[in-house]
């Protein structure tokens, strides 16, 4: 079931890049951004990660961490971050537990074939642990800038 604005986020505890876990409990009391993406090192996902990384200093100035979550492994995330010099944290949800709890693990279709995968979605979580804004079915172009504008408007 997808989250709605005002919902309390489901807790999460995921392996992160560099061996550091990414936990909702560690982010409690401050706003943060979670963007869900399908796969490391694919064209759209790379563009999205680079876009957020280019604005990393501005998100940091606003004291709002940005975390990318995909079903790839933490080891894959490490390679992805190094290859593209990414500045955002990446978390691995190989079990799909967070993806399912947040409602972004969905049936997709390509060339008539149906399969389960990540629906590219971004969630801005308020300091109260509730969903402040959701961007479903994200189009990458200009998206990171739109999220930053929403962060600055908090």
C-alpha atoms as a PDB file:
ATOM      1  CA  UNK A   1       0.000   0.000   0.000  1.00  0.00           C
ATOM      2  CA  UNK A   2       1.440   3.358  -1.025  1.00  0.00           C
ATOM      3  CA  UNK A   3       2.063   6.040   1.571  1.00  0.00           C
ATOM      4  CA  UNK A   4       0.053   9.259   1.596  1.00  0.00           C
ATOM      5  CA  UNK A   5       0.887  12.745   2.821  1.00  0.00           C
ATOM      6  CA  UNK A   6       0.543  12.821   6.609  1.00  0.00           C
ATOM      7  CA  UNK A   7       1.239   9.096   7.101  1.00  0.00           C
ATOM      8  CA  UNK A   8       3.850   8.077   9.659  1.00  0.00           C
ATOM      9  CA  UNK A   9       6.660   6.362   7.790  1.00  0.00           C
ATOM     10  CA  UNK A  10       7.315   2.672   8.376  1.00  0.00           C
ATOM     11  CA  UNK A  11      10.638   2.212  10.218  1.00  0.00           C
ATOM     12  CA  UNK A  12      13.641   0.893   8.310  1.00  0.00           C
ATOM     13  CA  UNK A  13      17.114  -0.462   9.027  1.00  0.00           C
ATOM     14  CA  UNK A  14      19.102  -1.162   5.868  1.00  0.00           C
ATOM     15  CA  UNK A  15      22.723  -1.878   4.965  1.00  0.00           C
ATOM     16  CA  UNK A  16      24.252   1.267   3.527  1.00  0.00           C
ATOM     17  CA  UNK A  17      27.147   2.028   1.260  1.00  0.00           C
ATOM     18  CA  UNK A  18      30.529   2.000   2.941  1.00  0.00           C
ATOM     19  CA  UNK A  19      29.278  -0.512   5.513  1.00  0.00           C
ATOM     20  CA  UNK A  20      27.313   2.082   7.502  1.00  0.00           C
ATOM     21  CA  UNK A  21      23.681   1.153   8.196  1.00  0.00           C
ATOM     22  CA  UNK A  22      20.882   3.538   7.252  1.00  0.00           C
ATOM     23  CA  UNK A  23      18.196   3.583   9.960  1.00  0.00           C
ATOM     24  CA  UNK A  24      15.037   5.611  10.373  1.00  0.00           C
ATOM     25  CA  UNK A  25      15.806   5.852  14.105  1.00  0.00           C
ATOM     26  CA  UNK A  26      19.070   7.680  13.313  1.00  0.00           C
ATOM     27  CA  UNK A  27      17.163  10.213  11.188  1.00  0.00           C
ATOM     28  CA  UNK A  28      14.376  10.845  13.710  1.00  0.00           C
ATOM     29  CA  UNK A  29      13.681  14.464  14.609  1.00  0.00           C
ATOM     30  CA  UNK A  30      14.835  15.989  11.344  1.00  0.00           C
ATOM     31  CA  UNK A  31      13.509  16.030   7.800  1.00  0.00           C
ATOM     32  CA  UNK A  32      15.078  13.778   5.176  1.00  0.00           C
ATOM     33  CA  UNK A  33      14.549  12.700   1.578  1.00  0.00           C
ATOM     34  CA  UNK A  34      14.309   9.104   0.387  1.00  0.00           C
ATOM     35  CA  UNK A  35      14.361   8.474  -3.326  1.00  0.00           C
ATOM     36  CA  UNK A  36      13.608   4.987  -4.576  1.00  0.00           C
ATOM     37  CA  UNK A  37      15.180   3.884  -7.835  1.00  0.00           C
ATOM     38  CA  UNK A  38      15.223   0.609  -9.786  1.00  0.00           C
ATOM     39  CA  UNK A  39      18.879  -0.251 -10.378  1.00  0.00           C
ATOM     40  CA  UNK A  40      22.439   0.987  -9.903  1.00  0.00           C
ATOM     41  CA  UNK A  41      24.356   2.162 -12.965  1.00  0.00           C
ATOM     42  CA  UNK A  42      21.450   2.292 -15.408  1.00  0.00           C
ATOM     43  CA  UNK A  43      20.978   5.477 -17.414  1.00  0.00           C
ATOM     44  CA  UNK A  44      17.966   7.018 -15.619  1.00  0.00           C
ATOM     45  CA  UNK A  45      19.112   5.945 -12.164  1.00  0.00           C
ATOM     46  CA  UNK A  46      22.601   7.301 -12.780  1.00  0.00           C
ATOM     47  CA  UNK A  47      21.209  10.650 -13.968  1.00  0.00           C
ATOM     48  CA  UNK A  48      18.988  10.864 -10.892  1.00  0.00           C
ATOM     49  CA  UNK A  49      21.821  10.026  -8.476  1.00  0.00           C
ATOM     50  CA  UNK A  50      24.142  12.543 -10.143  1.00  0.00           C
ATOM     51  CA  UNK A  51      21.418  15.225 -10.022  1.00  0.00           C
ATOM     52  CA  UNK A  52      20.934  14.746  -6.278  1.00  0.00           C
ATOM     53  CA  UNK A  53      24.734  14.637  -5.811  1.00  0.00           C
ATOM     54  CA  UNK A  54      25.175  17.939  -7.657  1.00  0.00           C
ATOM     55  CA  UNK A  55      22.823  19.521  -5.115  1.00  0.00           C
ATOM     56  CA  UNK A  56      24.268  17.674  -2.095  1.00  0.00           C
ATOM     57  CA  UNK A  57      25.813  20.830  -0.614  1.00  0.00           C
ATOM     58  CA  UNK A  58      22.472  22.667  -0.775  1.00  0.00           C
ATOM     59  CA  UNK A  59      20.630  19.751   0.860  1.00  0.00           C
ATOM     60  CA  UNK A  60      23.370  19.690   3.523  1.00  0.00           C
ATOM     61  CA  UNK A  61      22.965  23.454   4.114  1.00  0.00           C
ATOM     62  CA  UNK A  62      19.258  22.790   4.704  1.00  0.00           C
ATOM     63  CA  UNK A  63      20.286  19.953   7.070  1.00  0.00           C
ATOM     64  CA  UNK A  64      18.252  17.439   5.055  1.00  0.00           C
ATOM     65  CA  UNK A  65      19.978  14.140   4.231  1.00  0.00           C
ATOM     66  CA  UNK A  66      19.205  12.462   0.913  1.00  0.00           C
ATOM     67  CA  UNK A  67      19.150   8.664   0.745  1.00  0.00           C
ATOM     68  CA  UNK A  68      18.745   6.577  -2.385  1.00  0.00           C
ATOM     69  CA  UNK A  69      17.197   3.123  -1.937  1.00  0.00           C
ATOM     70  CA  UNK A  70      17.173   0.267  -4.438  1.00  0.00           C
ATOM     71  CA  UNK A  71      17.098  -3.534  -4.279  1.00  0.00           C
ATOM     72  CA  UNK A  72      20.794  -3.667  -5.238  1.00  0.00           C
ATOM     73  CA  UNK A  73      23.382  -4.847  -2.704  1.00  0.00           C
ATOM     74  CA  UNK A  74      25.504  -2.527  -0.551  1.00  0.00           C
ATOM     75  CA  UNK A  75      28.532  -3.764  -2.513  1.00  0.00           C
ATOM     76  CA  UNK A  76      26.853  -2.703  -5.774  1.00  0.00           C
ATOM     77  CA  UNK A  77      26.109   0.699  -4.194  1.00  0.00           C
ATOM     78  CA  UNK A  78      29.781   1.112  -3.235  1.00  0.00           C
ATOM     79  CA  UNK A  79      30.839   0.543  -6.857  1.00  0.00           C
ATOM     80  CA  UNK A  80      28.087   2.847  -8.150  1.00  0.00           C
ATOM     81  CA  UNK A  81      29.073   5.667  -5.756  1.00  0.00           C
ATOM     82  CA  UNK A  82      32.772   5.350  -6.597  1.00  0.00           C
ATOM     83  CA  UNK A  83      32.243   5.164 -10.365  1.00  0.00           C
ATOM     84  CA  UNK A  84      30.112   8.333 -10.475  1.00  0.00           C
ATOM     85  CA  UNK A  85      31.554  10.179  -7.437  1.00  0.00           C
ATOM     86  CA  UNK A  86      28.099  10.268  -5.840  1.00  0.00           C
ATOM     87  CA  UNK A  87      27.589  12.442  -2.751  1.00  0.00           C
ATOM     88  CA  UNK A  88      24.301  10.945  -1.535  1.00  0.00           C
ATOM     89  CA  UNK A  89      23.915   7.941   0.770  1.00  0.00           C
ATOM     90  CA  UNK A  90      22.663   4.718  -0.780  1.00  0.00           C
ATOM     91  CA  UNK A  91      20.835   1.961   1.086  1.00  0.00           C
ATOM     92  CA  UNK A  92      20.312  -1.642  -0.011  1.00  0.00           C
ATOM     93  CA  UNK A  93      16.900  -3.269   0.290  1.00  0.00           C
ATOM     94  CA  UNK A  94      17.594  -6.689  -1.203  1.00  0.00           C
ATOM     95  CA  UNK A  95      14.658  -8.236   0.702  1.00  0.00           C
ATOM     96  CA  UNK A  96      12.266  -5.525  -0.610  1.00  0.00           C
ATOM     97  CA  UNK A  97      10.919  -5.041   2.946  1.00  0.00           C
ATOM     98  CA  UNK A  98      11.160  -1.225   2.881  1.00  0.00           C
ATOM     99  CA  UNK A  99      10.187  -1.038  -0.787  1.00  0.00           C
ATOM    100  CA  UNK A 100       6.995  -2.980  -0.028  1.00  0.00           C
ATOM    101  CA  UNK A 101       6.242  -1.148   3.244  1.00  0.00           C
ATOM    102  CA  UNK A 102       6.549   2.221   1.501  1.00  0.00           C
ATOM    103  CA  UNK A 103       4.420   1.036  -1.443  1.00  0.00           C
ATOM    104  CA  UNK A 104       7.016   1.436  -4.194  1.00  0.00           C
ATOM    105  CA  UNK A 105       7.495  -2.267  -5.049  1.00  0.00           C
ATOM    106  CA  UNK A 106       4.948  -2.578  -7.833  1.00  0.00           C
ATOM    107  CA  UNK A 107       3.963  -4.526 -10.899  1.00  0.00           C
ATOM    108  CA  UNK A 108       5.554  -3.060 -13.991  1.00  0.00           C
ATOM    109  CA  UNK A 109       5.346  -3.921 -17.659  1.00  0.00           C
ATOM    110  CA  UNK A 110       7.925  -3.822 -20.447  1.00  0.00           C
ATOM    111  CA  UNK A 111       7.357  -5.121 -23.966  1.00  0.00           C
ATOM    112  CA  UNK A 112       4.185  -6.822 -22.745  1.00  0.00           C
ATOM    113  CA  UNK A 113       5.995  -8.725 -19.990  1.00  0.00           C
ATOM    114  CA  UNK A 114       4.828  -8.069 -16.428  1.00  0.00           C
ATOM    115  CA  UNK A 115       7.290  -8.144 -13.535  1.00  0.00           C
ATOM    116  CA  UNK A 116       7.769  -6.690 -10.053  1.00  0.00           C
ATOM    117  CA  UNK A 117      10.114  -3.739  -9.633  1.00  0.00           C
ATOM    118  CA  UNK A 118      10.692  -0.340  -8.071  1.00  0.00           C
ATOM    119  CA  UNK A 119       8.398   2.463  -9.110  1.00  0.00           C
ATOM    120  CA  UNK A 120      10.684   5.509  -9.166  1.00  0.00           C
ATOM    121  CA  UNK A 121       9.338   7.581  -6.261  1.00  0.00           C
ATOM    122  CA  UNK A 122      10.674  10.257  -3.919  1.00  0.00           C
ATOM    123  CA  UNK A 123       9.396  10.938  -0.403  1.00  0.00           C
ATOM    124  CA  UNK A 124      10.135  14.002   1.712  1.00  0.00           C
ATOM    125  CA  UNK A 125       9.795  13.061   5.384  1.00  0.00           C
ATOM    126  CA  UNK A 126       9.196  15.820   7.911  1.00  0.00           C
ATOM    127  CA  UNK A 127      10.973  16.137  11.251  1.00  0.00           C
ATOM    128  CA  UNK A 128       7.845  14.593  12.821  1.00  0.00           C
ATOM    129  CA  UNK A 129       8.437  11.321  10.919  1.00  0.00           C
ATOM    130  CA  UNK A 130       5.429  11.868   8.693  1.00  0.00           C
ATOM    131  CA  UNK A 131       5.269  12.085   4.915  1.00  0.00           C
ATOM    132  CA  UNK A 132       5.439  15.768   3.950  1.00  0.00           C
ATOM    133  CA  UNK A 133       5.492  15.296   0.153  1.00  0.00           C
ATOM    134  CA  UNK A 134       5.507  12.446  -2.373  1.00  0.00           C
ATOM    135  CA  UNK A 135       6.618  12.416  -5.980  1.00  0.00           C
ATOM    136  CA  UNK A 136       5.293   9.217  -7.622  1.00  0.00           C
ATOM    137  CA  UNK A 137       6.428   7.948 -11.030  1.00  0.00           C
ATOM    138  CA  UNK A 138       9.309  10.419 -11.105  1.00  0.00           C
ATOM    139  CA  UNK A 139      10.665  11.830 -14.336  1.00  0.00           C
ATOM    140  CA  UNK A 140      14.371  12.433 -13.684  1.00  0.00           C
ATOM    141  CA  UNK A 141      14.856  15.723 -15.567  1.00  0.00           C
ATOM    142  CA  UNK A 142      14.617  18.622 -13.074  1.00  0.00           C
ATOM    143  CA  UNK A 143      13.414  16.364 -10.263  1.00  0.00           C
ATOM    144  CA  UNK A 144      16.254  16.936  -7.775  1.00  0.00           C
ATOM    145  CA  UNK A 145      15.768  20.707  -8.122  1.00  0.00           C
ATOM    146  CA  UNK A 146      12.037  20.330  -7.442  1.00  0.00           C
ATOM    147  CA  UNK A 147      12.746  18.284  -4.305  1.00  0.00           C
ATOM    148  CA  UNK A 148      15.282  20.865  -3.104  1.00  0.00           C
ATOM    149  CA  UNK A 149      12.683  23.626  -3.567  1.00  0.00           C
ATOM    150  CA  UNK A 150      10.223  21.632  -1.425  1.00  0.00           C
ATOM    151  CA  UNK A 151      12.912  21.121   1.222  1.00  0.00           C
ATOM    152  CA  UNK A 152      13.612  24.856   1.341  1.00  0.00           C
ATOM    153  CA  UNK A 153       9.863  25.527   1.695  1.00  0.00           C
ATOM    154  CA  UNK A 154       9.595  23.346   4.852  1.00  0.00           C
END
